[in-house]
Amino acid sequence: MNWRSRYVASGLWLAVAALLQGCTAPRESGTSPLAATSADCSARILVGFVSAADASVVAAIAQTAAVRLVVVNRLLPDLYVLDLSSDGPDSACAAGLERVRADARVRSADLDARRAPGEG
C-alpha cells in the first residue's frame, strides 16, 4: 500500500467509527428526574434569579433551603443549571426544590428536562 491508499483507508475507518458512535442511542436510566443514589436524592434544575447572581448567591440559597447546590452551567447572568442534592428519599429533593422556589431571590426553579421544538 502506498501512503495515499493508507490515508484513504484510515479516513474511511475514522468515518465508520464516527458514524457508529453517532448512531448509538444514549442509555435510558429508567429513573425519575429525582433519582435516588444510595440514601441521597439528586436532581438537575434550572433556576432563574430575580437579578444577576453569582456563586455566593447560589451558596446562600443552598444554605437557606438546606440542600446542596452545585453550579453545572451559567446560561445567562440570571439563569443557571444546578445539581440539587439532599439526604433522604426523592421526597427530600422535591421538598428542597420547593424551598428553593420559595426564596425571594429566585424567580423560577424547575426540573431540567429535554424539550423538542414546538413543545411548550
C-alpha atoms as a PDB file:
ATOM      1  CA  MET A   1       0.000   0.000   0.000  1.00  0.00           C
ATOM      2  CA  ASN A   2       1.229   3.439  -0.756  1.00  0.00           C
ATOM      3  CA  TRP A   3       0.769   6.376   1.582  1.00  0.00           C
ATOM      4  CA  ARG A   4      -2.262   7.711  -0.286  1.00  0.00           C
ATOM      5  CA  SER A   5      -4.256   4.485  -0.009  1.00  0.00           C
ATOM      6  CA  ARG A   6      -3.316   4.193   3.665  1.00  0.00           C
ATOM      7  CA  TYR A   7      -4.536   7.742   4.192  1.00  0.00           C
ATOM      8  CA  VAL A   8      -7.846   6.944   2.484  1.00  0.00           C
ATOM      9  CA  ALA A   9      -8.245   3.668   4.438  1.00  0.00           C
ATOM     10  CA  SER A  10      -7.542   5.452   7.729  1.00  0.00           C
ATOM     11  CA  GLY A  11     -10.071   8.141   6.868  1.00  0.00           C
ATOM     12  CA  LEU A  12     -12.635   5.511   5.959  1.00  0.00           C
ATOM     13  CA  TRP A  13     -12.173   3.708   9.289  1.00  0.00           C
ATOM     14  CA  LEU A  14     -12.415   7.005  11.134  1.00  0.00           C
ATOM     15  CA  ALA A  15     -15.654   7.845   9.304  1.00  0.00           C
ATOM     16  CA  VAL A  16     -17.115   4.423  10.127  1.00  0.00           C
ATOM     17  CA  ALA A  17     -16.200   4.825  13.805  1.00  0.00           C
ATOM     18  CA  ALA A  18     -17.749   8.314  13.917  1.00  0.00           C
ATOM     19  CA  LEU A  19     -20.898   7.031  12.202  1.00  0.00           C
ATOM     20  CA  LEU A  20     -21.242   4.166  14.665  1.00  0.00           C
ATOM     21  CA  GLN A  21     -20.721   6.494  17.619  1.00  0.00           C
ATOM     22  CA  GLY A  22     -23.291   8.945  16.288  1.00  0.00           C
ATOM     23  CA  CYS A  23     -25.895   6.244  15.655  1.00  0.00           C
ATOM     24  CA  THR A  24     -25.805   4.738  19.116  1.00  0.00           C
ATOM     25  CA  ALA A  25     -28.706   5.858  21.272  1.00  0.00           C
ATOM     26  CA  PRO A  26     -27.996   7.220  24.746  1.00  0.00           C
ATOM     27  CA  ARG A  27     -28.857   4.839  27.534  1.00  0.00           C
ATOM     28  CA  GLU A  28     -32.098   5.500  29.321  1.00  0.00           C
ATOM     29  CA  SER A  29     -31.657   5.173  33.038  1.00  0.00           C
ATOM     30  CA  GLY A  30     -35.321   4.423  33.645  1.00  0.00           C
ATOM     31  CA  THR A  31     -35.386   6.580  36.759  1.00  0.00           C
ATOM     32  CA  SER A  32     -37.238   9.750  37.529  1.00  0.00           C
ATOM     33  CA  PRO A  33     -35.537  13.166  37.404  1.00  0.00           C
ATOM     34  CA  LEU A  34     -35.376  12.971  41.193  1.00  0.00           C
ATOM     35  CA  ALA A  35     -33.313   9.778  41.096  1.00  0.00           C
ATOM     36  CA  ALA A  36     -32.039   8.312  44.338  1.00  0.00           C
ATOM     37  CA  THR A  37     -28.409   7.316  44.641  1.00  0.00           C
ATOM     38  CA  SER A  38     -27.921   5.218  47.761  1.00  0.00           C
ATOM     39  CA  ALA A  39     -29.514   7.210  50.600  1.00  0.00           C
ATOM     40  CA  ASP A  40     -29.315  10.545  48.778  1.00  0.00           C
ATOM     41  CA  CYS A  41     -31.503  12.100  46.124  1.00  0.00           C
ATOM     42  CA  SER A  42     -30.399  14.393  43.346  1.00  0.00           C
ATOM     43  CA  ALA A  43     -31.941  16.377  40.528  1.00  0.00           C
ATOM     44  CA  ARG A  44     -30.765  18.752  37.822  1.00  0.00           C
ATOM     45  CA  ILE A  45     -32.703  22.007  37.964  1.00  0.00           C
ATOM     46  CA  LEU A  46     -32.923  25.282  36.060  1.00  0.00           C
ATOM     47  CA  VAL A  47     -33.022  28.324  38.293  1.00  0.00           C
ATOM     48  CA  GLY A  48     -33.906  31.824  37.158  1.00  0.00           C
ATOM     49  CA  PHE A  49     -32.882  34.522  39.598  1.00  0.00           C
ATOM     50  CA  VAL A  50     -34.587  37.885  40.118  1.00  0.00           C
ATOM     51  CA  SER A  51     -31.309  39.635  39.268  1.00  0.00           C
ATOM     52  CA  ALA A  52     -27.824  38.586  38.169  1.00  0.00           C
ATOM     53  CA  ALA A  53     -26.408  36.012  40.564  1.00  0.00           C
ATOM     54  CA  ASP A  54     -23.006  34.591  41.394  1.00  0.00           C
ATOM     55  CA  ALA A  55     -21.652  31.634  43.348  1.00  0.00           C
ATOM     56  CA  SER A  56     -22.173  33.344  46.697  1.00  0.00           C
ATOM     57  CA  VAL A  57     -25.901  33.823  45.989  1.00  0.00           C
ATOM     58  CA  VAL A  58     -26.216  30.156  44.991  1.00  0.00           C
ATOM     59  CA  ALA A  59     -24.420  29.113  48.197  1.00  0.00           C
ATOM     60  CA  ALA A  60     -26.674  31.319  50.332  1.00  0.00           C
ATOM     61  CA  ILE A  61     -29.805  29.848  48.736  1.00  0.00           C
ATOM     62  CA  ALA A  62     -28.467  26.328  49.265  1.00  0.00           C
ATOM     63  CA  GLN A  63     -27.891  27.053  52.938  1.00  0.00           C
ATOM     64  CA  THR A  64     -31.344  28.611  53.350  1.00  0.00           C
ATOM     65  CA  ALA A  65     -33.060  25.696  51.554  1.00  0.00           C
ATOM     66  CA  ALA A  66     -30.973  23.075  53.417  1.00  0.00           C
ATOM     67  CA  VAL A  67     -29.833  21.392  50.188  1.00  0.00           C
ATOM     68  CA  ARG A  68     -26.593  21.070  48.240  1.00  0.00           C
ATOM     69  CA  LEU A  69     -26.481  23.116  45.029  1.00  0.00           C
ATOM     70  CA  VAL A  70     -23.655  22.676  42.525  1.00  0.00           C
ATOM     71  CA  VAL A  71     -23.368  25.007  39.536  1.00  0.00           C
ATOM     72  CA  VAL A  72     -23.338  22.965  36.322  1.00  0.00           C
ATOM     73  CA  ASN A  73     -23.630  25.826  33.845  1.00  0.00           C
ATOM     74  CA  ARG A  74     -24.374  29.524  33.776  1.00  0.00           C
ATOM     75  CA  LEU A  75     -26.634  30.137  30.787  1.00  0.00           C
ATOM     76  CA  LEU A  76     -27.246  33.838  31.452  1.00  0.00           C
ATOM     77  CA  PRO A  77     -26.257  36.151  34.307  1.00  0.00           C
ATOM     78  CA  ASP A  78     -29.595  35.325  35.964  1.00  0.00           C
ATOM     79  CA  LEU A  79     -30.160  31.747  34.680  1.00  0.00           C
ATOM     80  CA  TYR A  80     -28.255  28.727  35.995  1.00  0.00           C
ATOM     81  CA  VAL A  81     -28.293  24.960  35.594  1.00  0.00           C
ATOM     82  CA  LEU A  82     -27.719  23.463  39.052  1.00  0.00           C
ATOM     83  CA  ASP A  83     -27.443  19.997  40.554  1.00  0.00           C
ATOM     84  CA  LEU A  84     -29.616  19.828  43.663  1.00  0.00           C
ATOM     85  CA  SER A  85     -28.965  17.033  46.153  1.00  0.00           C
ATOM     86  CA  SER A  86     -30.157  16.213  49.631  1.00  0.00           C
ATOM     87  CA  ASP A  87     -30.020  13.412  52.159  1.00  0.00           C
ATOM     88  CA  GLY A  88     -33.033  11.158  52.044  1.00  0.00           C
ATOM     89  CA  PRO A  89     -35.553   9.857  49.514  1.00  0.00           C
ATOM     90  CA  ASP A  90     -36.895  11.597  46.405  1.00  0.00           C
ATOM     91  CA  SER A  91     -39.381  13.487  48.535  1.00  0.00           C
ATOM     92  CA  ALA A  92     -36.454  15.267  50.245  1.00  0.00           C
ATOM     93  CA  CYS A  93     -35.333  16.671  46.890  1.00  0.00           C
ATOM     94  CA  ALA A  94     -38.891  17.633  45.981  1.00  0.00           C
ATOM     95  CA  ALA A  95     -39.214  19.499  49.285  1.00  0.00           C
ATOM     96  CA  GLY A  96     -35.797  21.094  48.754  1.00  0.00           C
ATOM     97  CA  LEU A  97     -36.842  22.275  45.290  1.00  0.00           C
ATOM     98  CA  GLU A  98     -39.949  23.849  46.818  1.00  0.00           C
ATOM     99  CA  ARG A  99     -37.775  25.658  49.381  1.00  0.00           C
ATOM    100  CA  VAL A 100     -35.515  26.941  46.576  1.00  0.00           C
ATOM    101  CA  ARG A 101     -38.609  28.167  44.681  1.00  0.00           C
ATOM    102  CA  ALA A 102     -39.845  29.966  47.816  1.00  0.00           C
ATOM    103  CA  ASP A 103     -36.636  32.003  48.174  1.00  0.00           C
ATOM    104  CA  ALA A 104     -37.176  35.719  47.400  1.00  0.00           C
ATOM    105  CA  ARG A 105     -34.037  35.817  45.214  1.00  0.00           C
ATOM    106  CA  VAL A 106     -35.409  33.092  42.914  1.00  0.00           C
ATOM    107  CA  ARG A 107     -37.759  33.960  40.046  1.00  0.00           C
ATOM    108  CA  SER A 108     -38.290  30.339  38.938  1.00  0.00           C
ATOM    109  CA  ALA A 109     -36.911  26.870  39.637  1.00  0.00           C
ATOM    110  CA  ASP A 110     -37.889  23.798  37.631  1.00  0.00           C
ATOM    111  CA  LEU A 111     -36.580  20.331  36.921  1.00  0.00           C
ATOM    112  CA  ASP A 112     -34.347  20.288  33.857  1.00  0.00           C
ATOM    113  CA  ALA A 113     -35.967  18.334  31.047  1.00  0.00           C
ATOM    114  CA  ARG A 114     -35.076  17.762  27.413  1.00  0.00           C
ATOM    115  CA  ARG A 115     -37.512  19.538  25.166  1.00  0.00           C
ATOM    116  CA  ALA A 116     -38.203  19.160  21.492  1.00  0.00           C
ATOM    117  CA  PRO A 117     -39.021  22.054  19.143  1.00  0.00           C
ATOM    118  CA  GLY A 118     -42.652  23.008  19.389  1.00  0.00           C
ATOM    119  CA  GLU A 119     -43.113  21.789  22.964  1.00  0.00           C
ATOM    120  CA  GLY A 120     -44.250  24.390  25.450  1.00  0.00           C
END
